[in-house]
């Protein structure tokens, strides 16, 4: 990575050079770049055959202590058994318009607010996810 170059541009270049899956090193840390949903599903479904480190738990555990990226062992298996089936492409694709509508409503709400800095973006994103689940599962708006 070069200074001043946007990370997303670097990843796009790497994708064109190395394909949908590659790894790179930053100091002693290995990172994986994955750009296809089916590969990500395979990795999370077969975690036992992939190298895991405490890096994700240390970094993401502070923000999302109960997130799949932060969990290990039996707790991960319990959460994954519930969460992962919901993210299969076939199950998400049929609800894409509902997801877009809910997201558009949040963006419209933000635009109607005063021109002040929105400091609750993480909290509001969590509420957006819950709103999407409620709308899709229970037709609750």
C-alpha atoms as a PDB file:
ATOM      1  CA  UNK A   1       0.000   0.000   0.000  1.00  0.00           C
ATOM      2  CA  UNK A   2       1.240   3.452  -0.821  1.00  0.00           C
ATOM      3  CA  UNK A   3       0.748   6.516   1.285  1.00  0.00           C
ATOM      4  CA  UNK A   4      -2.152   8.628   0.134  1.00  0.00           C
ATOM      5  CA  UNK A   5      -3.689   5.818  -1.915  1.00  0.00           C
ATOM      6  CA  UNK A   6      -7.202   4.879  -0.817  1.00  0.00           C
ATOM      7  CA  UNK A   7      -7.418   1.396   0.663  1.00  0.00           C
ATOM      8  CA  UNK A   8     -10.404   0.537  -1.526  1.00  0.00           C
ATOM      9  CA  UNK A   9      -8.353   1.380  -4.646  1.00  0.00           C
ATOM     10  CA  UNK A  10      -5.505  -0.817  -3.442  1.00  0.00           C
ATOM     11  CA  UNK A  11      -7.907  -3.712  -2.816  1.00  0.00           C
ATOM     12  CA  UNK A  12      -9.466  -3.271  -6.271  1.00  0.00           C
ATOM     13  CA  UNK A  13      -6.000  -3.412  -7.832  1.00  0.00           C
ATOM     14  CA  UNK A  14      -5.117  -6.519  -5.832  1.00  0.00           C
ATOM     15  CA  UNK A  15      -8.377  -8.173  -6.864  1.00  0.00           C
ATOM     16  CA  UNK A  16      -7.561  -7.629 -10.537  1.00  0.00           C
ATOM     17  CA  UNK A  17      -4.008  -8.941 -10.011  1.00  0.00           C
ATOM     18  CA  UNK A  18      -4.550 -11.830  -7.579  1.00  0.00           C
ATOM     19  CA  UNK A  19      -8.221 -12.797  -7.872  1.00  0.00           C
ATOM     20  CA  UNK A  20     -11.019 -13.111  -5.335  1.00  0.00           C
ATOM     21  CA  UNK A  21      -8.886 -14.449  -2.473  1.00  0.00           C
ATOM     22  CA  UNK A  22      -5.390 -13.451  -1.427  1.00  0.00           C
ATOM     23  CA  UNK A  23      -3.405 -12.730   1.707  1.00  0.00           C
ATOM     24  CA  UNK A  24      -0.888 -10.063   2.600  1.00  0.00           C
ATOM     25  CA  UNK A  25       1.314  -9.155   5.518  1.00  0.00           C
ATOM     26  CA  UNK A  26       1.575  -5.937   7.498  1.00  0.00           C
ATOM     27  CA  UNK A  27       4.482  -6.454   9.838  1.00  0.00           C
ATOM     28  CA  UNK A  28       3.957  -9.720  11.718  1.00  0.00           C
ATOM     29  CA  UNK A  29       0.219  -9.814  10.953  1.00  0.00           C
ATOM     30  CA  UNK A  30      -1.322 -11.774   8.082  1.00  0.00           C
ATOM     31  CA  UNK A  31      -4.533 -10.449   6.545  1.00  0.00           C
ATOM     32  CA  UNK A  32      -6.854 -12.074   4.049  1.00  0.00           C
ATOM     33  CA  UNK A  33      -8.679 -10.234   1.306  1.00  0.00           C
ATOM     34  CA  UNK A  34     -11.862 -11.987   0.212  1.00  0.00           C
ATOM     35  CA  UNK A  35     -14.194 -10.468  -2.347  1.00  0.00           C
ATOM     36  CA  UNK A  36     -16.835 -13.133  -2.934  1.00  0.00           C
ATOM     37  CA  UNK A  37     -19.697 -13.900  -0.566  1.00  0.00           C
ATOM     38  CA  UNK A  38     -19.564 -17.661  -1.176  1.00  0.00           C
ATOM     39  CA  UNK A  39     -15.903 -17.764  -0.094  1.00  0.00           C
ATOM     40  CA  UNK A  40     -16.723 -15.827   3.080  1.00  0.00           C
ATOM     41  CA  UNK A  41     -19.589 -18.236   3.827  1.00  0.00           C
ATOM     42  CA  UNK A  42     -17.230 -21.176   3.311  1.00  0.00           C
ATOM     43  CA  UNK A  43     -14.637 -19.680   5.668  1.00  0.00           C
ATOM     44  CA  UNK A  44     -17.164 -18.969   8.424  1.00  0.00           C
ATOM     45  CA  UNK A  45     -18.846 -22.360   7.976  1.00  0.00           C
ATOM     46  CA  UNK A  46     -15.529 -24.242   8.122  1.00  0.00           C
ATOM     47  CA  UNK A  47     -13.621 -22.189  10.658  1.00  0.00           C
ATOM     48  CA  UNK A  48     -11.873 -25.243  12.055  1.00  0.00           C
ATOM     49  CA  UNK A  49      -9.686 -25.600   8.927  1.00  0.00           C
ATOM     50  CA  UNK A  50      -8.601 -21.951   8.795  1.00  0.00           C
ATOM     51  CA  UNK A  51      -6.010 -20.202  10.892  1.00  0.00           C
ATOM     52  CA  UNK A  52      -7.514 -18.044  13.610  1.00  0.00           C
ATOM     53  CA  UNK A  53      -5.810 -15.463  15.731  1.00  0.00           C
ATOM     54  CA  UNK A  54      -6.684 -13.252  18.646  1.00  0.00           C
ATOM     55  CA  UNK A  55      -6.206 -10.165  16.466  1.00  0.00           C
ATOM     56  CA  UNK A  56      -9.886 -10.008  15.475  1.00  0.00           C
ATOM     57  CA  UNK A  57     -10.988 -10.606  19.039  1.00  0.00           C
ATOM     58  CA  UNK A  58      -8.696  -7.876  20.381  1.00  0.00           C
ATOM     59  CA  UNK A  59      -9.685  -5.295  17.768  1.00  0.00           C
ATOM     60  CA  UNK A  60     -13.361  -6.060  17.168  1.00  0.00           C
ATOM     61  CA  UNK A  61     -14.083  -7.429  20.642  1.00  0.00           C
ATOM     62  CA  UNK A  62     -14.107  -3.904  22.018  1.00  0.00           C
ATOM     63  CA  UNK A  63     -16.805  -2.738  19.600  1.00  0.00           C
ATOM     64  CA  UNK A  64     -18.786  -5.921  19.021  1.00  0.00           C
ATOM     65  CA  UNK A  65     -18.004  -8.350  21.852  1.00  0.00           C
ATOM     66  CA  UNK A  66     -20.805 -10.698  20.767  1.00  0.00           C
ATOM     67  CA  UNK A  67     -20.084 -10.449  17.029  1.00  0.00           C
ATOM     68  CA  UNK A  68     -19.115 -13.527  15.020  1.00  0.00           C
ATOM     69  CA  UNK A  69     -15.689 -12.058  14.309  1.00  0.00           C
ATOM     70  CA  UNK A  70     -14.989 -11.767  18.057  1.00  0.00           C
ATOM     71  CA  UNK A  71     -16.310 -15.096  19.316  1.00  0.00           C
ATOM     72  CA  UNK A  72     -14.509 -18.420  19.675  1.00  0.00           C
ATOM     73  CA  UNK A  73     -15.442 -21.981  20.593  1.00  0.00           C
ATOM     74  CA  UNK A  74     -18.917 -23.024  21.736  1.00  0.00           C
ATOM     75  CA  UNK A  75     -20.142 -19.441  21.922  1.00  0.00           C
ATOM     76  CA  UNK A  76     -19.212 -18.909  18.250  1.00  0.00           C
ATOM     77  CA  UNK A  77     -20.975 -22.130  17.231  1.00  0.00           C
ATOM     78  CA  UNK A  78     -24.155 -21.110  19.046  1.00  0.00           C
ATOM     79  CA  UNK A  79     -24.242 -17.663  17.419  1.00  0.00           C
ATOM     80  CA  UNK A  80     -23.248 -18.987  13.977  1.00  0.00           C
ATOM     81  CA  UNK A  81     -25.968 -21.649  13.996  1.00  0.00           C
ATOM     82  CA  UNK A  82     -28.546 -18.869  14.378  1.00  0.00           C
ATOM     83  CA  UNK A  83     -26.995 -16.085  12.293  1.00  0.00           C
ATOM     84  CA  UNK A  84     -25.259 -17.631   9.278  1.00  0.00           C
ATOM     85  CA  UNK A  85     -28.322 -19.160   7.575  1.00  0.00           C
ATOM     86  CA  UNK A  86     -29.853 -15.675   7.381  1.00  0.00           C
ATOM     87  CA  UNK A  87     -26.985 -14.380   5.262  1.00  0.00           C
ATOM     88  CA  UNK A  88     -27.163 -16.891   2.454  1.00  0.00           C
ATOM     89  CA  UNK A  89     -27.511 -15.090  -0.853  1.00  0.00           C
ATOM     90  CA  UNK A  90     -30.817 -16.720  -1.806  1.00  0.00           C
ATOM     91  CA  UNK A  91     -32.434 -15.659   1.470  1.00  0.00           C
ATOM     92  CA  UNK A  92     -31.166 -12.072   1.314  1.00  0.00           C
ATOM     93  CA  UNK A  93     -31.776 -11.435  -2.395  1.00  0.00           C
ATOM     94  CA  UNK A  94     -35.557 -11.753  -2.196  1.00  0.00           C
ATOM     95  CA  UNK A  95     -35.637  -9.083   0.544  1.00  0.00           C
ATOM     96  CA  UNK A  96     -33.228  -6.672  -1.109  1.00  0.00           C
ATOM     97  CA  UNK A  97     -35.905  -4.083  -1.910  1.00  0.00           C
ATOM     98  CA  UNK A  98     -37.057  -4.050   1.731  1.00  0.00           C
ATOM     99  CA  UNK A  99     -33.474  -3.639   2.913  1.00  0.00           C
ATOM    100  CA  UNK A 100     -32.927  -0.756   0.496  1.00  0.00           C
ATOM    101  CA  UNK A 101     -36.196   0.911   1.554  1.00  0.00           C
ATOM    102  CA  UNK A 102     -35.275   0.757   5.258  1.00  0.00           C
ATOM    103  CA  UNK A 103     -31.797   2.101   4.530  1.00  0.00           C
ATOM    104  CA  UNK A 104     -33.198   4.904   2.368  1.00  0.00           C
ATOM    105  CA  UNK A 105     -35.511   5.934   5.216  1.00  0.00           C
ATOM    106  CA  UNK A 106     -32.538   6.215   7.573  1.00  0.00           C
ATOM    107  CA  UNK A 107     -30.585   8.279   5.051  1.00  0.00           C
ATOM    108  CA  UNK A 108     -33.606  10.524   4.504  1.00  0.00           C
ATOM    109  CA  UNK A 109     -33.921  10.963   8.280  1.00  0.00           C
ATOM    110  CA  UNK A 110     -30.252  11.974   8.471  1.00  0.00           C
ATOM    111  CA  UNK A 111     -30.731  14.493   5.671  1.00  0.00           C
ATOM    112  CA  UNK A 112     -33.686  16.094   7.479  1.00  0.00           C
ATOM    113  CA  UNK A 113     -31.619  16.634  10.622  1.00  0.00           C
ATOM    114  CA  UNK A 114     -29.765  19.846  11.248  1.00  0.00           C
ATOM    115  CA  UNK A 115     -26.381  20.086   9.609  1.00  0.00           C
ATOM    116  CA  UNK A 116     -24.722  18.922  12.814  1.00  0.00           C
ATOM    117  CA  UNK A 117     -22.339  16.011  12.976  1.00  0.00           C
ATOM    118  CA  UNK A 118     -24.109  12.701  13.581  1.00  0.00           C
ATOM    119  CA  UNK A 119     -22.244  10.993  16.419  1.00  0.00           C
ATOM    120  CA  UNK A 120     -24.619   8.039  16.815  1.00  0.00           C
ATOM    121  CA  UNK A 121     -23.902   6.333  13.503  1.00  0.00           C
ATOM    122  CA  UNK A 122     -22.952   2.978  15.102  1.00  0.00           C
ATOM    123  CA  UNK A 123     -26.049   2.957  17.291  1.00  0.00           C
ATOM    124  CA  UNK A 124     -28.297   4.009  14.422  1.00  0.00           C
ATOM    125  CA  UNK A 125     -26.781   1.333  12.170  1.00  0.00           C
ATOM    126  CA  UNK A 126     -27.589  -1.280  14.816  1.00  0.00           C
ATOM    127  CA  UNK A 127     -31.150   0.030  14.959  1.00  0.00           C
ATOM    128  CA  UNK A 128     -31.311  -0.096  11.158  1.00  0.00           C
ATOM    129  CA  UNK A 129     -30.354  -3.772  11.243  1.00  0.00           C
ATOM    130  CA  UNK A 130     -33.013  -4.477  13.866  1.00  0.00           C
ATOM    131  CA  UNK A 131     -35.580  -2.515  11.838  1.00  0.00           C
ATOM    132  CA  UNK A 132     -34.745  -4.564   8.748  1.00  0.00           C
ATOM    133  CA  UNK A 133     -35.133  -7.825  10.689  1.00  0.00           C
ATOM    134  CA  UNK A 134     -38.437  -6.660  12.189  1.00  0.00           C
ATOM    135  CA  UNK A 135     -39.765  -5.515   8.823  1.00  0.00           C
ATOM    136  CA  UNK A 136     -38.810  -8.719   7.011  1.00  0.00           C
ATOM    137  CA  UNK A 137     -39.704 -11.183   9.767  1.00  0.00           C
ATOM    138  CA  UNK A 138     -42.860  -9.578  11.146  1.00  0.00           C
ATOM    139  CA  UNK A 139     -43.853  -6.966   8.542  1.00  0.00           C
ATOM    140  CA  UNK A 140     -43.467  -4.447  11.354  1.00  0.00           C
ATOM    141  CA  UNK A 141     -42.682  -0.897  10.312  1.00  0.00           C
END
